[in-house]
Amino acid sequence: MLNPRIGELPPSAFMILDEMIAGLTPAAGLEPLNLTIGEPQNPPPDFVTDVIAEHKALFSRYTATNGTPDYRRAVADWLTSHYGLPEGMIDADRNVLPVAGLREGMFMIAQIVTPETKAGAVPTILMPNPFYHPYAGAALAAHAEPVFVPALPENRFMPDYAGLDEAILARAAVVYLCSPANPQGTAADMDYLMAMIKLARAHDFLLIVDECYAEVYTGARPTGALEAAARLGGGLDNLVVFHSLSKRSNAPGLRSGFAAGDAEVLQLYFKFRNYGAVAVSMPILAAAAALLREPSHVAEIRDFYRVNFDAAERILGNRYGYYRPDGGFFLWLDVGDGIAATRKLWTEAALKVVPGAFMTRQAPGSAAAGDRYIRLALVHDLDSTVAALNRLTETLG
């Protein structure tokens, strides 16, 4: 009666963590601080509710799966402006599709581009290790073999997909890449992105680039995959990027994001989504379009995280392999034994963090890429962040 393939879906890192600490008591006398989830703690700009209120009558209408022309135009304009793309490279009606958050979007798209067989065998879906759990779930749901490619310090946490065995690449249907990376925060450069697009076209797989942290950065703006496509001549074959307003605009509750790229893939994706996906409501799309057209609040959000990273740099120094990430709002700290450190931080410092081992899969004959690490989300106010980092250093030494 049940689909055994779905039963093989691995539990998320948060599910495993909650089970692990269920029998542990947080340190007494300290307010517990949850540093596990990358959920902005500040509200979105005030005008969001005003725009939704102005369009509230549209809640009585169904939304088309491809959204509204105004939203698609806002996306195309933002991509063109933000990345300096050639005018017309992004066609609002052919190269843009709204999604109800990136988790759903990136999970579902793998289902439409993964064939039953490729190169005469079971297809592969490649992903960085550590990875975002929907990548692995998408592979299993698509009846593909998930391949976890190490993202290690020696390669700036950028997985070496090109170095894989030719037989694996020949079977590849989808390759996931997150830049800036979750959890490490490193961003792919132009050369890496161009090489990945060339690799996708050479082996005819879909390169899916998760750019949800594209506007949360502490130094130079991260290069986008669409910029790399423009450098290669402007074609979008074999490439789809995903963006969201969750991090850039403190608006995860809007569940508003988009896919942009290969028109043929997005047309099939649109058809697929028309059967069972959630269409984002028109008032939400109106608010999302307004957010994309208003950049000043994004700069303020970046400043908020920049102050937290300044505090981390001051408090941590060079301990635990600390480095200032290119983007995102996570710390990926080498504490020797991430699971032991997680237990210790909860019971002795009332800090809830994610062990890196829960975000990785172990390759045969080697340690998992995240065994030594913990991930912290620096999403709280400065006072809470400073308190958390001081507790961490006092507890772990």
Protein backbone atom coordinates (compact mmCIF):
# COMPACT_ATOMS: atom_id res chain seq x y z
CA MET A 1 0.00 0.00 0.00
CA LEU A 2 2.80 2.46 0.85
CA ASN A 3 5.53 3.59 -1.52
CA PRO A 4 8.74 2.08 -0.10
CA ARG A 5 10.83 4.66 -1.90
CA ILE A 6 9.25 7.46 0.12
CA GLY A 7 9.88 5.46 3.27
CA GLU A 8 13.59 5.67 2.46
CA LEU A 9 13.59 9.47 2.70
CA PRO A 10 16.13 10.40 5.38
CA PRO A 11 14.90 12.43 8.36
CA SER A 12 16.01 16.04 8.39
CA ALA A 13 18.84 17.24 10.60
CA PHE A 14 16.31 18.94 12.86
CA MET A 15 14.30 15.76 13.37
CA ILE A 16 17.44 13.82 14.33
CA LEU A 17 18.60 16.63 16.62
CA ASP A 18 15.29 16.85 18.47
CA GLU A 19 15.36 13.11 19.04
CA MET A 20 18.94 13.25 20.31
CA ILE A 21 18.39 16.00 22.88
CA ALA A 22 14.88 14.90 23.94
CA GLY A 23 16.28 13.22 27.04
CA LEU A 24 18.79 15.96 27.86
CA THR A 25 18.13 18.89 30.19
CA PRO A 26 19.36 22.33 29.15
CA ALA A 27 21.61 24.15 31.58
CA ALA A 28 19.70 25.60 34.52
CA GLY A 29 19.61 29.35 35.06
CA LEU A 30 20.25 30.22 31.44
CA GLU A 31 17.71 31.20 28.83
CA PRO A 32 17.83 28.57 26.07
CA LEU A 33 18.91 29.99 22.72
CA ASN A 34 18.00 28.21 19.50
CA LEU A 35 20.75 28.71 16.92
CA THR A 36 19.71 25.85 14.65
CA ILE A 37 17.30 27.31 12.11
CA GLY A 38 18.15 29.95 9.53
CA GLU A 39 14.98 31.89 10.27
CA PRO A 40 15.29 35.69 10.36
CA GLN A 41 14.16 37.05 13.71
CA ASN A 42 13.38 40.58 12.52
CA PRO A 43 10.15 41.53 10.68
CA PRO A 44 9.96 42.36 6.99
CA PRO A 45 9.54 46.01 5.94
CA ASP A 46 6.30 47.64 7.09
CA PHE A 47 5.09 48.24 3.54
CA VAL A 48 4.59 44.50 3.02
CA THR A 49 1.37 44.46 5.04
CA ASP A 50 0.23 47.67 3.36
CA VAL A 51 0.60 46.12 -0.10
CA ILE A 52 -1.20 42.96 0.98
CA ALA A 53 -4.03 45.06 2.42
CA GLU A 54 -4.30 47.07 -0.81
CA HIS A 55 -4.73 43.84 -2.76
CA LYS A 56 -6.81 41.91 -0.20
CA ALA A 57 -9.80 41.65 -2.54
CA LEU A 58 -7.67 39.35 -4.71
CA PHE A 59 -7.69 36.69 -1.98
CA SER A 60 -11.09 35.74 -3.40
CA ARG A 61 -9.50 34.75 -6.72
CA TYR A 62 -7.37 31.81 -7.77
CA THR A 63 -3.85 32.62 -8.94
CA ALA A 64 -2.40 31.20 -12.12
CA THR A 65 0.45 28.77 -11.53
CA ASN A 66 2.82 31.10 -13.36
CA GLY A 67 1.82 34.01 -11.13
CA THR A 68 1.07 37.48 -12.43
CA PRO A 69 2.72 39.40 -15.29
CA ASP A 70 3.72 42.12 -12.80
CA TYR A 71 5.53 39.67 -10.52
CA ARG A 72 7.33 37.96 -13.38
CA ARG A 73 8.38 41.36 -14.71
CA ALA A 74 9.65 42.39 -11.25
CA VAL A 75 11.74 39.20 -11.12
CA ALA A 76 13.17 39.69 -14.61
CA ASP A 77 13.97 43.34 -13.91
CA TRP A 78 15.63 42.49 -10.57
CA LEU A 79 17.77 39.73 -12.05
CA THR A 80 18.82 41.97 -14.95
CA SER A 81 19.70 44.88 -12.66
CA HIS A 82 21.27 42.91 -9.79
CA TYR A 83 23.53 40.82 -12.00
CA GLY A 84 24.09 43.30 -14.83
CA LEU A 85 22.61 40.93 -17.40
CA PRO A 86 22.09 41.90 -21.03
CA GLU A 87 18.66 43.39 -21.66
CA GLY A 88 16.28 40.69 -22.82
CA MET A 89 18.36 37.75 -21.58
CA ILE A 90 15.61 37.00 -19.02
CA ASP A 91 12.21 36.88 -20.67
CA ALA A 92 9.60 37.40 -17.95
CA ASP A 93 7.14 35.05 -19.63
CA ARG A 94 9.53 32.26 -20.65
CA ASN A 95 12.37 32.24 -18.13
CA VAL A 96 10.61 32.93 -14.80
CA LEU A 97 8.25 30.81 -12.70
CA PRO A 98 7.11 31.61 -9.14
CA VAL A 99 7.37 28.93 -6.45
CA ALA A 100 5.92 28.70 -2.96
CA GLY A 101 9.29 28.75 -1.23
CA LEU A 102 12.48 27.07 -2.36
CA ARG A 103 12.11 23.80 -0.46
CA GLU A 104 9.06 22.82 -2.51
CA GLY A 105 10.46 24.28 -5.70
CA MET A 106 13.86 22.57 -5.64
CA PHE A 107 12.33 19.25 -4.55
CA MET A 108 9.70 19.18 -7.29
CA ILE A 109 11.84 20.24 -10.23
CA ALA A 110 14.00 17.12 -9.98
CA GLN A 111 10.93 15.01 -10.67
CA ILE A 112 10.46 16.44 -14.18
CA VAL A 113 14.04 16.18 -15.45
CA THR A 114 15.03 12.76 -14.09
CA PRO A 115 14.43 10.01 -16.67
CA GLU A 116 13.86 6.36 -15.81
CA THR A 117 17.35 5.57 -17.08
CA LYS A 118 20.33 7.52 -18.32
CA ALA A 119 23.40 6.07 -20.01
CA GLY A 120 21.66 2.72 -19.69
CA ALA A 121 21.46 2.76 -15.89
CA VAL A 122 19.79 4.38 -12.89
CA PRO A 123 20.25 8.17 -13.08
CA THR A 124 22.32 9.99 -10.50
CA ILE A 125 21.49 13.24 -8.72
CA LEU A 126 24.57 14.97 -7.37
CA MET A 127 24.67 17.27 -4.38
CA PRO A 128 27.19 18.88 -2.03
CA ASN A 129 28.05 17.12 1.21
CA PRO A 130 26.96 18.74 3.63
CA PHE A 131 23.62 19.19 1.90
CA TYR A 132 20.14 20.69 2.28
CA HIS A 133 17.84 17.73 2.99
CA PRO A 134 15.34 18.38 0.13
CA TYR A 135 18.16 17.65 -2.34
CA ALA A 136 18.48 14.09 -1.04
CA GLY A 137 14.73 13.68 -0.75
CA ALA A 138 14.29 14.81 -4.33
CA ALA A 139 16.77 12.18 -5.54
CA LEU A 140 14.99 9.33 -3.77
CA ALA A 141 11.53 10.50 -4.85
CA ALA A 142 12.77 10.66 -8.45
CA HIS A 143 14.09 7.07 -8.23
CA ALA A 144 17.62 8.31 -8.75
CA GLU A 145 20.84 7.46 -6.95
CA PRO A 146 21.91 10.34 -4.67
CA VAL A 147 25.64 11.05 -4.89
CA PHE A 148 27.08 13.13 -2.06
CA VAL A 149 30.14 15.08 -3.19
CA PRO A 150 32.42 16.36 -0.40
CA ALA A 151 32.59 20.11 0.11
CA LEU A 152 35.76 20.47 2.14
CA PRO A 153 38.07 23.28 3.34
CA GLU A 154 40.74 22.34 0.80
CA ASN A 155 38.36 23.19 -2.07
CA ARG A 156 36.79 26.21 -0.33
CA PHE A 157 33.76 24.05 0.41
CA MET A 158 32.89 23.97 -3.30
CA PRO A 159 32.25 20.34 -4.39
CA ASP A 160 34.51 19.03 -7.15
CA TYR A 161 31.82 17.72 -9.50
CA ALA A 162 34.15 17.78 -12.51
CA GLY A 163 36.50 15.37 -10.73
CA LEU A 164 33.89 12.63 -10.45
CA ASP A 165 34.13 9.38 -12.33
CA GLU A 166 32.91 9.72 -15.91
CA ALA A 167 30.34 6.95 -15.36
CA ILE A 168 28.69 8.96 -12.58
CA LEU A 169 28.60 12.14 -14.66
CA ALA A 170 27.19 10.29 -17.66
CA ARG A 171 24.24 9.17 -15.52
CA ALA A 172 23.71 12.60 -13.92
CA ALA A 173 20.22 14.05 -14.36
CA VAL A 174 20.48 16.87 -11.81
CA VAL A 175 23.31 18.59 -9.97
CA TYR A 176 22.53 20.80 -6.99
CA LEU A 177 24.81 23.65 -6.00
CA CYS A 178 24.24 26.17 -3.20
CA SER A 179 26.09 29.49 -3.44
CA PRO A 180 26.69 31.07 -1.00
CA ALA A 181 26.79 27.61 0.51
CA ASN A 182 24.71 26.36 3.41
CA PRO A 183 26.26 25.82 5.93
CA GLN A 184 29.77 27.01 5.04
CA GLY A 185 28.91 30.41 3.54
CA THR A 186 31.48 30.29 0.74
CA ALA A 187 30.47 31.58 -2.69
CA ALA A 188 31.33 30.10 -6.07
CA ASP A 189 33.41 32.38 -8.27
CA MET A 190 32.93 33.14 -11.95
CA ASP A 191 35.36 30.48 -13.17
CA TYR A 192 33.74 27.76 -11.08
CA LEU A 193 30.23 28.68 -12.22
CA MET A 194 31.20 28.83 -15.89
CA ALA A 195 32.90 25.45 -15.57
CA MET A 196 29.77 23.99 -13.96
CA ILE A 197 27.53 25.27 -16.76
CA LYS A 198 29.89 23.81 -19.35
CA LEU A 199 29.89 20.50 -17.44
CA ALA A 200 26.08 20.49 -17.38
CA ARG A 201 25.90 20.98 -21.12
CA ALA A 202 28.61 18.44 -21.85
CA HIS A 203 26.79 15.75 -19.85
CA ASP A 204 23.25 17.03 -20.42
CA PHE A 205 22.16 17.39 -16.80
CA LEU A 206 20.24 20.23 -15.18
CA LEU A 207 22.37 22.45 -12.98
CA ILE A 208 20.17 23.76 -10.15
CA VAL A 209 21.80 26.64 -8.30
CA ASP A 210 20.27 27.49 -4.92
CA GLU A 211 20.97 31.21 -4.48
CA CYS A 212 18.72 31.91 -1.50
CA TYR A 213 21.56 33.71 0.34
CA ALA A 214 22.59 35.76 -2.72
CA GLU A 215 21.84 39.12 -1.08
CA VAL A 216 23.06 38.26 2.42
CA TYR A 217 26.81 38.82 2.24
CA THR A 218 29.51 40.47 4.31
CA GLY A 219 31.96 41.62 1.62
CA ALA A 220 31.74 41.59 -2.16
CA ARG A 221 28.45 40.61 -3.78
CA PRO A 222 28.53 36.91 -4.71
CA THR A 223 28.69 36.08 -8.39
CA GLY A 224 25.44 34.61 -9.73
CA ALA A 225 25.08 31.63 -12.05
CA LEU A 226 23.15 33.81 -14.51
CA GLU A 227 26.17 36.11 -14.71
CA ALA A 228 28.26 33.11 -15.66
CA ALA A 229 25.69 32.15 -18.30
CA ALA A 230 25.86 35.69 -19.68
CA ARG A 231 29.66 35.47 -19.85
CA LEU A 232 29.27 32.25 -21.86
CA GLY A 233 27.04 33.95 -24.42
CA GLY A 234 23.69 34.38 -22.66
CA GLY A 235 22.14 30.97 -23.26
CA LEU A 236 20.22 29.42 -20.37
CA ASP A 237 20.26 25.79 -21.48
CA ASN A 238 20.74 23.26 -18.64
CA LEU A 239 20.54 25.95 -15.93
CA VAL A 240 17.88 26.96 -13.42
CA VAL A 241 18.53 29.23 -10.43
CA PHE A 242 16.28 29.56 -7.40
CA HIS A 243 15.80 32.68 -5.29
CA SER A 244 13.61 33.50 -2.32
CA LEU A 245 12.50 36.49 -0.27
CA SER A 246 12.87 34.55 2.98
CA LYS A 247 16.41 35.67 3.81
CA ARG A 248 16.91 38.80 1.68
CA SER A 249 13.71 40.44 2.98
CA ASN A 250 13.12 38.75 6.38
CA ALA A 251 9.96 37.23 4.87
CA PRO A 252 9.99 33.42 5.16
CA GLY A 253 6.28 33.44 5.97
CA LEU A 254 5.43 34.83 2.53
CA ARG A 255 6.56 31.53 0.98
CA SER A 256 7.49 33.47 -2.11
CA GLY A 257 10.37 32.62 -4.39
CA PHE A 258 11.06 31.93 -8.03
CA ALA A 259 12.89 29.74 -10.51
CA ALA A 260 14.64 31.34 -13.48
CA GLY A 261 16.52 29.85 -16.39
CA ASP A 262 16.09 27.25 -19.12
CA ALA A 263 12.77 28.02 -20.86
CA GLU A 264 12.14 24.43 -21.98
CA VAL A 265 12.62 23.09 -18.46
CA LEU A 266 10.44 25.80 -16.94
CA GLN A 267 7.65 25.15 -19.41
CA LEU A 268 7.55 21.49 -18.39
CA TYR A 269 7.90 22.53 -14.73
CA PHE A 270 4.91 24.86 -15.16
CA LYS A 271 2.87 22.00 -16.60
CA PHE A 272 3.88 19.72 -13.72
CA ARG A 273 3.17 22.32 -11.05
CA ASN A 274 -0.25 22.92 -12.56
CA TYR A 275 -1.28 19.47 -11.35
CA GLY A 276 -0.41 19.63 -7.68
CA ALA A 277 1.65 22.61 -6.56
CA VAL A 278 0.59 25.57 -4.45
CA ALA A 279 0.11 28.76 -6.46
CA VAL A 280 1.23 31.82 -4.51
CA SER A 281 -1.73 34.16 -3.96
CA MET A 282 -1.95 37.45 -5.85
CA PRO A 283 -1.73 39.69 -2.76
CA ILE A 284 1.45 37.85 -1.75
CA LEU A 285 2.85 38.20 -5.26
CA ALA A 286 2.10 41.92 -5.19
CA ALA A 287 4.01 42.24 -1.91
CA ALA A 288 6.86 40.14 -3.30
CA ALA A 289 7.11 42.36 -6.39
CA ALA A 290 7.25 45.43 -4.14
CA LEU A 291 10.07 43.86 -2.10
CA LEU A 292 12.08 43.10 -5.23
CA ARG A 293 11.71 46.72 -6.34
CA GLU A 294 12.84 48.22 -3.02
CA PRO A 295 16.56 47.61 -2.30
CA SER A 296 17.17 49.79 0.76
CA HIS A 297 15.70 47.30 3.25
CA VAL A 298 18.06 44.60 1.92
CA ALA A 299 21.08 46.77 2.72
CA GLU A 300 19.77 47.22 6.26
CA ILE A 301 19.36 43.47 6.66
CA ARG A 302 22.93 42.92 5.44
CA ASP A 303 24.16 45.43 8.00
CA PHE A 304 22.34 43.51 10.76
CA TYR A 305 24.20 40.30 9.92
CA ARG A 306 27.48 42.13 9.35
CA VAL A 307 27.37 43.40 12.93
CA ASN A 308 26.80 39.86 14.20
CA PHE A 309 29.78 38.58 12.20
CA ASP A 310 31.90 41.41 13.57
CA ALA A 311 31.01 40.14 17.05
CA ALA A 312 31.84 36.56 16.07
CA GLU A 313 35.22 37.62 14.72
CA ARG A 314 35.95 39.54 17.91
CA ILE A 315 34.88 36.74 20.28
CA LEU A 316 36.03 33.65 18.41
CA GLY A 317 39.24 34.96 16.88
CA ASN A 318 40.91 32.02 15.16
CA ARG A 319 39.33 29.32 17.35
CA TYR A 320 37.34 26.44 15.86
CA GLY A 321 38.64 27.24 12.40
CA TYR A 322 36.57 30.44 12.34
CA TYR A 323 36.51 32.38 9.08
CA ARG A 324 34.27 35.16 7.87
CA PRO A 325 31.90 33.63 5.31
CA ASP A 326 31.23 35.16 1.90
CA GLY A 327 27.48 35.07 2.46
CA GLY A 328 24.62 33.66 4.47
CA PHE A 329 24.35 33.94 8.24
CA PHE A 330 25.81 30.65 9.50
CA LEU A 331 28.98 29.75 11.36
CA TRP A 332 30.51 26.39 10.44
CA LEU A 333 32.83 25.66 13.32
CA ASP A 334 35.36 22.85 13.65
CA VAL A 335 34.97 21.65 17.24
CA GLY A 336 36.56 18.21 16.84
CA ASP A 337 33.43 16.19 17.56
CA GLY A 338 30.23 17.95 16.50
CA ILE A 339 27.80 15.58 18.20
CA ALA A 340 29.65 15.67 21.53
CA ALA A 341 29.89 19.48 21.33
CA THR A 342 26.16 19.73 20.59
CA ARG A 343 25.28 17.70 23.69
CA LYS A 344 27.70 19.72 25.82
CA LEU A 345 26.44 23.08 24.60
CA TRP A 346 22.83 22.11 25.34
CA THR A 347 23.42 20.66 28.80
CA GLU A 348 26.03 23.16 29.96
CA ALA A 349 25.23 26.36 28.04
CA ALA A 350 21.56 25.99 26.96
CA LEU A 351 22.62 26.53 23.34
CA LYS A 352 20.92 24.50 20.64
CA VAL A 353 23.12 23.98 17.57
CA VAL A 354 23.19 21.50 14.68
CA PRO A 355 25.92 18.83 14.51
CA GLY A 356 27.53 18.80 11.09
CA ALA A 357 27.20 15.02 10.98
CA PHE A 358 23.42 15.42 10.75
CA MET A 359 23.83 17.43 7.53
CA THR A 360 26.15 14.99 5.80
CA ARG A 361 26.35 11.42 4.54
CA GLN A 362 29.41 9.29 5.10
CA ALA A 363 31.28 8.09 2.04
CA PRO A 364 32.54 4.48 2.16
CA GLY A 365 35.87 4.25 3.94
CA SER A 366 35.98 7.85 5.13
CA ALA A 367 34.63 10.14 7.82
CA ALA A 368 31.59 12.23 6.98
CA ALA A 369 32.43 15.71 5.75
CA GLY A 370 30.74 17.31 8.74
CA ASP A 371 31.66 15.09 11.70
CA ARG A 372 33.97 17.69 13.23
CA TYR A 373 31.59 20.63 12.80
CA ILE A 374 28.61 22.40 14.29
CA ARG A 375 26.40 24.94 12.56
CA LEU A 376 25.14 28.09 14.25
CA ALA A 377 22.67 30.58 12.78
CA LEU A 378 23.52 34.18 13.72
CA VAL A 379 19.96 35.41 13.27
CA HIS A 380 19.32 36.86 16.72
CA ASP A 381 19.90 40.43 17.92
CA LEU A 382 23.42 41.50 18.81
CA ASP A 383 23.04 41.07 22.59
CA SER A 384 21.73 37.52 22.18
CA THR A 385 24.44 36.72 19.65
CA VAL A 386 27.20 37.98 21.93
CA ALA A 387 25.76 36.04 24.87
CA ALA A 388 25.57 32.86 22.79
CA LEU A 389 29.13 33.15 21.50
CA ASN A 390 30.48 33.86 24.98
CA ARG A 391 28.66 30.81 26.34
CA LEU A 392 30.07 28.74 23.51
CA THR A 393 33.70 29.71 24.14
CA GLU A 394 33.31 29.31 27.90
CA THR A 395 31.87 25.83 27.42
CA LEU A 396 34.08 24.46 24.67
CA GLY A 397 37.24 26.29 25.68
